[in-house]
Amino acid sequence: LGYNRVGSRGFISMVTQLVDANATLCVLIFYNNPIFSFTSGQSDKDAHSALHSLISQKTGIRFINLGKTDLGNAECETISDALTSKECNLIFLHLSGNQINDEGVAVLCAGLEKNTTIKYLNLSDNEITDSGVETIKQCVERRAEL
């Protein structure tokens, strides 16, 4: 679904279907869609709830690409919390091209340190500074399999 005009309403609908149906789909790509711009009438609470469900509930999805979806620090809190779920079986999380800064990185790392499934994390093309890189370095040191 990358490079389309999928907003939060479409994202919520797709995630609800995937979670409710316990789908076996293993790759989900929403790259370059305005999901978290909240111009489609859905509230950020609804989109955050769907995001949390997508990551925290046991589904067949192992790879999620949310690059360039207007994702920011608030969504990082949702992702971090979802990553701590024992049901999370995500391996690859792609978050490039968003508005994640050092604060968002710190929040993500808190969840990653408790997660045992994530092996790949892409944070390229965000707003991360040297401080954020240091946070990531410390996270990787504590969780060598990342």
N, C-alpha and C. Protein backbone atom coordinates (compact mmCIF):
# COMPACT_ATOMS: atom_id res chain seq x y z
N LEU A 1 0.81 -1.21 0.00
CA LEU A 1 0.00 0.00 0.00
C LEU A 1 0.85 1.27 0.00
N GLY A 2 2.15 1.12 -0.17
CA GLY A 2 3.03 2.27 -0.19
C GLY A 2 2.74 3.21 -1.34
N TYR A 3 3.09 4.48 -1.16
CA TYR A 3 2.96 5.52 -2.18
C TYR A 3 1.52 5.71 -2.66
N ASN A 4 0.61 5.73 -1.72
CA ASN A 4 -0.79 6.00 -2.03
C ASN A 4 -1.26 7.20 -1.21
N ARG A 5 -2.53 7.29 -0.97
CA ARG A 5 -3.09 8.40 -0.18
C ARG A 5 -3.88 7.84 1.00
N VAL A 6 -3.38 6.75 1.56
CA VAL A 6 -4.07 6.11 2.69
C VAL A 6 -3.92 6.99 3.92
N GLY A 7 -5.03 7.39 4.49
CA GLY A 7 -5.03 8.19 5.71
C GLY A 7 -5.29 7.32 6.92
N SER A 8 -5.55 7.96 8.03
CA SER A 8 -5.76 7.21 9.27
C SER A 8 -6.99 6.30 9.18
N ARG A 9 -8.02 6.75 8.49
CA ARG A 9 -9.23 5.93 8.37
C ARG A 9 -8.94 4.60 7.66
N GLY A 10 -8.21 4.65 6.55
CA GLY A 10 -7.83 3.43 5.82
C GLY A 10 -6.90 2.54 6.64
N PHE A 11 -5.97 3.18 7.36
CA PHE A 11 -5.04 2.44 8.22
C PHE A 11 -5.81 1.69 9.30
N ILE A 12 -6.72 2.39 9.96
CA ILE A 12 -7.51 1.78 11.04
C ILE A 12 -8.34 0.62 10.49
N SER A 13 -8.96 0.81 9.35
CA SER A 13 -9.77 -0.24 8.74
C SER A 13 -8.94 -1.47 8.41
N MET A 14 -7.78 -1.27 7.80
CA MET A 14 -6.91 -2.38 7.43
C MET A 14 -6.40 -3.12 8.66
N VAL A 15 -5.94 -2.38 9.65
CA VAL A 15 -5.42 -3.00 10.86
C VAL A 15 -6.51 -3.78 11.59
N THR A 16 -7.69 -3.21 11.68
CA THR A 16 -8.80 -3.89 12.34
C THR A 16 -9.09 -5.22 11.66
N GLN A 17 -9.12 -5.22 10.35
CA GLN A 17 -9.37 -6.45 9.60
C GLN A 17 -8.26 -7.47 9.84
N LEU A 18 -7.01 -7.04 9.78
CA LEU A 18 -5.89 -7.96 9.96
C LEU A 18 -5.87 -8.58 11.36
N VAL A 19 -6.13 -7.77 12.36
CA VAL A 19 -6.10 -8.26 13.74
C VAL A 19 -7.31 -9.16 14.01
N ASP A 20 -8.49 -8.71 13.60
CA ASP A 20 -9.71 -9.50 13.85
C ASP A 20 -9.69 -10.84 13.13
N ALA A 21 -9.11 -10.88 11.94
CA ALA A 21 -9.09 -12.10 11.14
C ALA A 21 -7.89 -12.98 11.48
N ASN A 22 -7.02 -12.50 12.37
CA ASN A 22 -5.78 -13.21 12.69
C ASN A 22 -5.07 -13.59 11.39
N ALA A 23 -4.89 -12.61 10.53
CA ALA A 23 -4.35 -12.80 9.18
C ALA A 23 -2.94 -13.38 9.21
N THR A 24 -2.59 -14.07 8.14
CA THR A 24 -1.27 -14.66 8.02
C THR A 24 -0.33 -13.81 7.16
N LEU A 25 -0.78 -12.65 6.74
CA LEU A 25 0.06 -11.72 6.00
C LEU A 25 1.31 -11.43 6.82
N CYS A 26 2.49 -11.47 6.21
CA CYS A 26 3.71 -11.27 7.00
C CYS A 26 4.40 -9.93 6.76
N VAL A 27 4.07 -9.23 5.68
CA VAL A 27 4.68 -7.93 5.37
C VAL A 27 3.57 -6.91 5.15
N LEU A 28 3.70 -5.77 5.82
CA LEU A 28 2.71 -4.70 5.67
C LEU A 28 3.46 -3.39 5.40
N ILE A 29 3.23 -2.83 4.23
CA ILE A 29 3.95 -1.62 3.82
C ILE A 29 2.96 -0.48 3.62
N PHE A 30 3.10 0.54 4.45
CA PHE A 30 2.29 1.75 4.35
C PHE A 30 3.16 2.95 3.97
N TYR A 31 4.36 2.73 3.50
CA TYR A 31 5.32 3.78 3.21
C TYR A 31 4.71 4.91 2.37
N ASN A 32 5.01 6.13 2.78
CA ASN A 32 4.63 7.35 2.06
C ASN A 32 3.11 7.53 1.94
N ASN A 33 2.43 7.42 3.07
CA ASN A 33 1.00 7.68 3.17
C ASN A 33 0.77 8.60 4.37
N PRO A 34 -0.21 9.50 4.30
CA PRO A 34 -0.42 10.48 5.39
C PRO A 34 -1.22 9.92 6.57
N ILE A 35 -0.83 8.76 7.06
CA ILE A 35 -1.61 8.07 8.10
C ILE A 35 -1.74 8.89 9.38
N PHE A 36 -0.66 9.48 9.83
CA PHE A 36 -0.68 10.16 11.13
C PHE A 36 -0.76 11.68 11.00
N SER A 37 -1.27 12.17 9.86
CA SER A 37 -1.49 13.62 9.70
C SER A 37 -2.85 14.02 10.24
N PHE A 38 -3.75 13.07 10.43
CA PHE A 38 -5.07 13.26 11.04
C PHE A 38 -5.92 14.31 10.32
N THR A 39 -5.91 14.23 9.01
CA THR A 39 -6.77 15.11 8.22
C THR A 39 -7.97 14.36 7.66
N SER A 40 -8.08 13.07 7.93
CA SER A 40 -9.15 12.27 7.32
C SER A 40 -10.36 12.11 8.24
N GLY A 41 -10.42 12.85 9.33
CA GLY A 41 -11.58 12.80 10.19
C GLY A 41 -11.47 11.85 11.38
N GLN A 42 -10.53 10.95 11.33
CA GLN A 42 -10.33 10.04 12.46
C GLN A 42 -9.48 10.76 13.52
N SER A 43 -9.66 10.37 14.77
CA SER A 43 -8.86 11.01 15.82
C SER A 43 -7.53 10.30 15.97
N ASP A 44 -6.58 11.00 16.56
CA ASP A 44 -5.29 10.37 16.80
C ASP A 44 -5.43 9.20 17.77
N LYS A 45 -6.42 9.27 18.66
CA LYS A 45 -6.65 8.17 19.60
C LYS A 45 -6.99 6.89 18.85
N ASP A 46 -7.83 6.98 17.83
CA ASP A 46 -8.20 5.81 17.03
C ASP A 46 -7.00 5.24 16.28
N ALA A 47 -6.22 6.11 15.69
CA ALA A 47 -5.04 5.66 14.94
C ALA A 47 -4.00 5.06 15.87
N HIS A 48 -3.84 5.66 17.05
CA HIS A 48 -2.88 5.12 18.03
C HIS A 48 -3.33 3.75 18.52
N SER A 49 -4.62 3.61 18.73
CA SER A 49 -5.16 2.32 19.16
C SER A 49 -4.90 1.25 18.11
N ALA A 50 -5.12 1.58 16.85
CA ALA A 50 -4.87 0.64 15.75
C ALA A 50 -3.39 0.31 15.66
N LEU A 51 -2.53 1.32 15.79
CA LEU A 51 -1.08 1.11 15.75
C LEU A 51 -0.65 0.18 16.87
N HIS A 52 -1.18 0.40 18.06
CA HIS A 52 -0.85 -0.45 19.21
C HIS A 52 -1.29 -1.89 18.94
N SER A 53 -2.50 -2.07 18.44
CA SER A 53 -3.01 -3.41 18.15
C SER A 53 -2.16 -4.12 17.10
N LEU A 54 -1.79 -3.39 16.06
CA LEU A 54 -1.00 -3.96 14.98
C LEU A 54 0.31 -4.55 15.49
N ILE A 55 0.95 -3.85 16.42
CA ILE A 55 2.26 -4.28 16.91
C ILE A 55 2.15 -5.24 18.09
N SER A 56 1.20 -5.01 18.96
CA SER A 56 1.17 -5.77 20.22
C SER A 56 0.44 -7.10 20.15
N GLN A 57 -0.42 -7.28 19.17
CA GLN A 57 -1.19 -8.52 19.12
C GLN A 57 -0.55 -9.53 18.19
N LYS A 58 -0.69 -10.77 18.53
CA LYS A 58 -0.08 -11.84 17.75
C LYS A 58 -0.79 -11.97 16.40
N THR A 59 -0.09 -11.62 15.35
CA THR A 59 -0.57 -11.78 13.98
C THR A 59 0.58 -12.40 13.18
N GLY A 60 0.37 -12.63 11.92
CA GLY A 60 1.44 -13.16 11.08
C GLY A 60 2.42 -12.08 10.64
N ILE A 61 2.12 -10.83 10.91
CA ILE A 61 2.94 -9.72 10.42
C ILE A 61 4.28 -9.68 11.15
N ARG A 62 5.35 -9.75 10.36
CA ARG A 62 6.71 -9.70 10.91
C ARG A 62 7.46 -8.44 10.47
N PHE A 63 6.99 -7.80 9.42
CA PHE A 63 7.65 -6.64 8.82
C PHE A 63 6.62 -5.55 8.64
N ILE A 64 6.85 -4.40 9.28
CA ILE A 64 5.97 -3.24 9.11
C ILE A 64 6.79 -2.05 8.65
N ASN A 65 6.35 -1.44 7.55
CA ASN A 65 7.00 -0.25 7.04
C ASN A 65 6.06 0.93 7.22
N LEU A 66 6.40 1.80 8.17
CA LEU A 66 5.63 3.02 8.43
C LEU A 66 6.47 4.26 8.11
N GLY A 67 7.39 4.11 7.18
CA GLY A 67 8.21 5.24 6.75
C GLY A 67 7.36 6.29 6.07
N LYS A 68 7.69 7.55 6.30
CA LYS A 68 7.01 8.70 5.69
C LYS A 68 5.50 8.63 5.88
N THR A 69 5.07 8.41 7.12
CA THR A 69 3.63 8.38 7.43
C THR A 69 3.26 9.47 8.42
N ASP A 70 4.10 10.49 8.56
CA ASP A 70 3.87 11.62 9.47
C ASP A 70 3.90 11.19 10.93
N LEU A 71 4.64 10.15 11.20
CA LEU A 71 4.75 9.61 12.54
C LEU A 71 5.73 10.47 13.37
N GLY A 72 5.38 10.74 14.62
CA GLY A 72 6.23 11.56 15.47
C GLY A 72 6.42 10.95 16.85
N ASN A 73 6.83 11.76 17.79
CA ASN A 73 7.13 11.27 19.13
C ASN A 73 5.91 10.67 19.84
N ALA A 74 4.73 11.22 19.61
CA ALA A 74 3.53 10.66 20.26
C ALA A 74 3.31 9.23 19.80
N GLU A 75 3.52 8.96 18.52
CA GLU A 75 3.37 7.61 18.01
C GLU A 75 4.47 6.70 18.54
N CYS A 76 5.64 7.26 18.80
CA CYS A 76 6.73 6.47 19.39
C CYS A 76 6.33 5.92 20.76
N GLU A 77 5.58 6.70 21.51
CA GLU A 77 5.09 6.21 22.81
C GLU A 77 4.17 5.01 22.62
N THR A 78 3.29 5.08 21.65
CA THR A 78 2.38 3.98 21.35
C THR A 78 3.16 2.75 20.90
N ILE A 79 4.11 2.95 20.01
CA ILE A 79 4.93 1.84 19.51
C ILE A 79 5.72 1.21 20.64
N SER A 80 6.35 2.03 21.46
CA SER A 80 7.16 1.52 22.57
C SER A 80 6.33 0.65 23.51
N ASP A 81 5.14 1.12 23.85
CA ASP A 81 4.27 0.35 24.73
C ASP A 81 3.88 -0.98 24.06
N ALA A 82 3.55 -0.94 22.78
CA ALA A 82 3.16 -2.15 22.06
C ALA A 82 4.30 -3.15 21.97
N LEU A 83 5.53 -2.66 21.84
CA LEU A 83 6.68 -3.55 21.74
C LEU A 83 6.90 -4.37 23.00
N THR A 84 6.39 -3.91 24.11
CA THR A 84 6.58 -4.63 25.37
C THR A 84 5.60 -5.79 25.55
N SER A 85 4.63 -5.90 24.66
CA SER A 85 3.65 -6.97 24.76
C SER A 85 4.30 -8.33 24.50
N LYS A 86 3.94 -9.31 25.27
CA LYS A 86 4.45 -10.67 25.07
C LYS A 86 3.93 -11.27 23.76
N GLU A 87 2.85 -10.71 23.23
CA GLU A 87 2.27 -11.19 21.97
C GLU A 87 2.96 -10.61 20.73
N CYS A 88 3.77 -9.58 20.90
CA CYS A 88 4.45 -8.95 19.77
C CYS A 88 5.43 -9.94 19.15
N ASN A 89 5.29 -10.15 17.83
CA ASN A 89 6.23 -11.03 17.14
C ASN A 89 6.85 -10.36 15.92
N LEU A 90 6.89 -9.06 15.95
CA LEU A 90 7.45 -8.24 14.88
C LEU A 90 8.97 -8.40 14.85
N ILE A 91 9.53 -8.51 13.65
CA ILE A 91 10.98 -8.64 13.48
C ILE A 91 11.59 -7.36 12.90
N PHE A 92 10.90 -6.73 11.96
CA PHE A 92 11.43 -5.57 11.24
C PHE A 92 10.48 -4.40 11.37
N LEU A 93 11.00 -3.27 11.83
CA LEU A 93 10.20 -2.06 11.98
C LEU A 93 10.90 -0.91 11.25
N HIS A 94 10.25 -0.42 10.22
CA HIS A 94 10.81 0.63 9.36
C HIS A 94 10.07 1.93 9.66
N LEU A 95 10.81 2.92 10.21
CA LEU A 95 10.21 4.20 10.60
C LEU A 95 10.94 5.39 9.97
N SER A 96 11.54 5.20 8.83
CA SER A 96 12.32 6.28 8.21
C SER A 96 11.43 7.41 7.71
N GLY A 97 12.03 8.59 7.55
CA GLY A 97 11.35 9.71 6.92
C GLY A 97 10.21 10.31 7.71
N ASN A 98 10.28 10.24 9.01
CA ASN A 98 9.22 10.78 9.86
C ASN A 98 9.74 11.96 10.68
N GLN A 99 9.06 12.31 11.74
CA GLN A 99 9.46 13.44 12.58
C GLN A 99 9.90 12.96 13.97
N ILE A 100 10.61 11.86 14.00
CA ILE A 100 11.09 11.31 15.28
C ILE A 100 12.37 12.04 15.66
N ASN A 101 12.41 12.57 16.89
CA ASN A 101 13.62 13.24 17.36
C ASN A 101 14.22 12.45 18.53
N ASP A 102 15.16 13.05 19.23
CA ASP A 102 15.86 12.36 20.32
C ASP A 102 14.91 11.89 21.42
N GLU A 103 13.88 12.67 21.69
CA GLU A 103 12.88 12.28 22.70
C GLU A 103 12.14 11.01 22.26
N GLY A 104 11.76 10.97 20.99
CA GLY A 104 11.09 9.79 20.45
C GLY A 104 11.98 8.56 20.47
N VAL A 105 13.25 8.76 20.16
CA VAL A 105 14.23 7.66 20.20
C VAL A 105 14.33 7.08 21.60
N ALA A 106 14.40 7.95 22.61
CA ALA A 106 14.50 7.48 23.99
C ALA A 106 13.28 6.64 24.38
N VAL A 107 12.11 7.08 23.95
CA VAL A 107 10.88 6.34 24.24
C VAL A 107 10.88 5.00 23.51
N LEU A 108 11.26 5.00 22.24
CA LEU A 108 11.33 3.75 21.48
C LEU A 108 12.31 2.76 22.12
N CYS A 109 13.46 3.26 22.52
CA CYS A 109 14.47 2.40 23.11
C CYS A 109 13.99 1.75 24.42
N ALA A 110 13.18 2.45 25.16
CA ALA A 110 12.64 1.87 26.40
C ALA A 110 11.81 0.63 26.07
N GLY A 111 11.04 0.68 25.01
CA GLY A 111 10.25 -0.48 24.59
C GLY A 111 11.11 -1.56 23.96
N LEU A 112 12.09 -1.15 23.16
CA LEU A 112 12.95 -2.12 22.49
C LEU A 112 13.76 -2.96 23.48
N GLU A 113 14.14 -2.35 24.58
CA GLU A 113 14.93 -3.08 25.57
C GLU A 113 14.13 -4.22 26.22
N LYS A 114 12.81 -4.12 26.18
CA LYS A 114 11.95 -5.15 26.76
C LYS A 114 11.43 -6.13 25.71
N ASN A 115 11.71 -5.84 24.46
CA ASN A 115 11.22 -6.66 23.35
C ASN A 115 12.27 -7.70 22.97
N THR A 116 11.82 -8.90 22.63
CA THR A 116 12.76 -9.96 22.27
C THR A 116 12.68 -10.36 20.80
N THR A 117 11.81 -9.73 20.02
CA THR A 117 11.63 -10.16 18.64
C THR A 117 12.22 -9.22 17.60
N ILE A 118 12.24 -7.94 17.85
CA ILE A 118 12.75 -6.97 16.86
C ILE A 118 14.23 -7.22 16.61
N LYS A 119 14.56 -7.38 15.34
CA LYS A 119 15.96 -7.58 14.93
C LYS A 119 16.45 -6.42 14.07
N TYR A 120 15.52 -5.73 13.39
CA TYR A 120 15.87 -4.65 12.47
C TYR A 120 15.00 -3.43 12.76
N LEU A 121 15.67 -2.30 12.87
CA LEU A 121 14.97 -1.03 13.11
C LEU A 121 15.59 0.02 12.19
N ASN A 122 14.77 0.65 11.36
CA ASN A 122 15.25 1.69 10.46
C ASN A 122 14.69 3.03 10.92
N LEU A 123 15.59 3.91 11.34
CA LEU A 123 15.21 5.26 11.77
C LEU A 123 15.85 6.33 10.90
N SER A 124 16.24 5.98 9.68
CA SER A 124 16.91 6.95 8.82
C SER A 124 15.97 8.10 8.45
N ASP A 125 16.57 9.22 8.13
CA ASP A 125 15.84 10.41 7.66
C ASP A 125 14.78 10.90 8.65
N ASN A 126 15.17 11.02 9.91
CA ASN A 126 14.32 11.59 10.95
C ASN A 126 15.01 12.84 11.49
N GLU A 127 14.75 13.21 12.70
CA GLU A 127 15.33 14.42 13.30
C GLU A 127 16.23 14.07 14.49
N ILE A 128 16.98 13.01 14.33
CA ILE A 128 17.80 12.47 15.41
C ILE A 128 19.18 13.14 15.39
N THR A 129 19.64 13.56 16.58
CA THR A 129 20.95 14.21 16.71
C THR A 129 21.94 13.24 17.37
N ASP A 130 23.12 13.75 17.67
CA ASP A 130 24.14 12.94 18.34
C ASP A 130 23.63 12.36 19.65
N SER A 131 22.83 13.10 20.35
CA SER A 131 22.26 12.63 21.61
C SER A 131 21.38 11.39 21.39
N GLY A 132 20.57 11.43 20.36
CA GLY A 132 19.72 10.30 20.02
C GLY A 132 20.54 9.09 19.61
N VAL A 133 21.62 9.33 18.88
CA VAL A 133 22.51 8.23 18.48
C VAL A 133 23.11 7.58 19.72
N GLU A 134 23.48 8.37 20.70
CA GLU A 134 24.03 7.83 21.95
C GLU A 134 22.99 6.96 22.66
N THR A 135 21.74 7.40 22.65
CA THR A 135 20.66 6.61 23.25
C THR A 135 20.51 5.28 22.53
N ILE A 136 20.56 5.31 21.20
CA ILE A 136 20.45 4.08 20.41
C ILE A 136 21.63 3.17 20.71
N LYS A 137 22.82 3.74 20.77
CA LYS A 137 24.02 2.96 21.08
C LYS A 137 23.87 2.24 22.42
N GLN A 138 23.39 2.93 23.42
CA GLN A 138 23.20 2.32 24.73
C GLN A 138 22.14 1.22 24.68
N CYS A 139 21.11 1.44 23.92
CA CYS A 139 20.05 0.44 23.75
C CYS A 139 20.61 -0.83 23.11
N VAL A 140 21.40 -0.66 22.06
CA VAL A 140 22.00 -1.79 21.36
C VAL A 140 22.97 -2.54 22.28
N GLU A 141 23.71 -1.80 23.08
CA GLU A 141 24.62 -2.45 24.03
C GLU A 141 23.87 -3.32 25.03
N ARG A 142 22.70 -2.88 25.44
CA ARG A 142 21.90 -3.64 26.40
C ARG A 142 21.13 -4.78 25.74
N ARG A 143 20.93 -4.65 24.44
CA ARG A 143 20.18 -5.67 23.70
C ARG A 143 20.92 -5.99 22.41
N ALA A 144 21.94 -6.81 22.53
CA ALA A 144 22.90 -7.07 21.45
C ALA A 144 22.26 -7.64 20.19
N GLU A 145 21.14 -8.33 20.28
CA GLU A 145 20.54 -8.94 19.08
C GLU A 145 19.83 -7.94 18.18
N LEU A 146 19.73 -6.68 18.61
CA LEU A 146 19.09 -5.66 17.78
C LEU A 146 20.06 -5.23 16.68
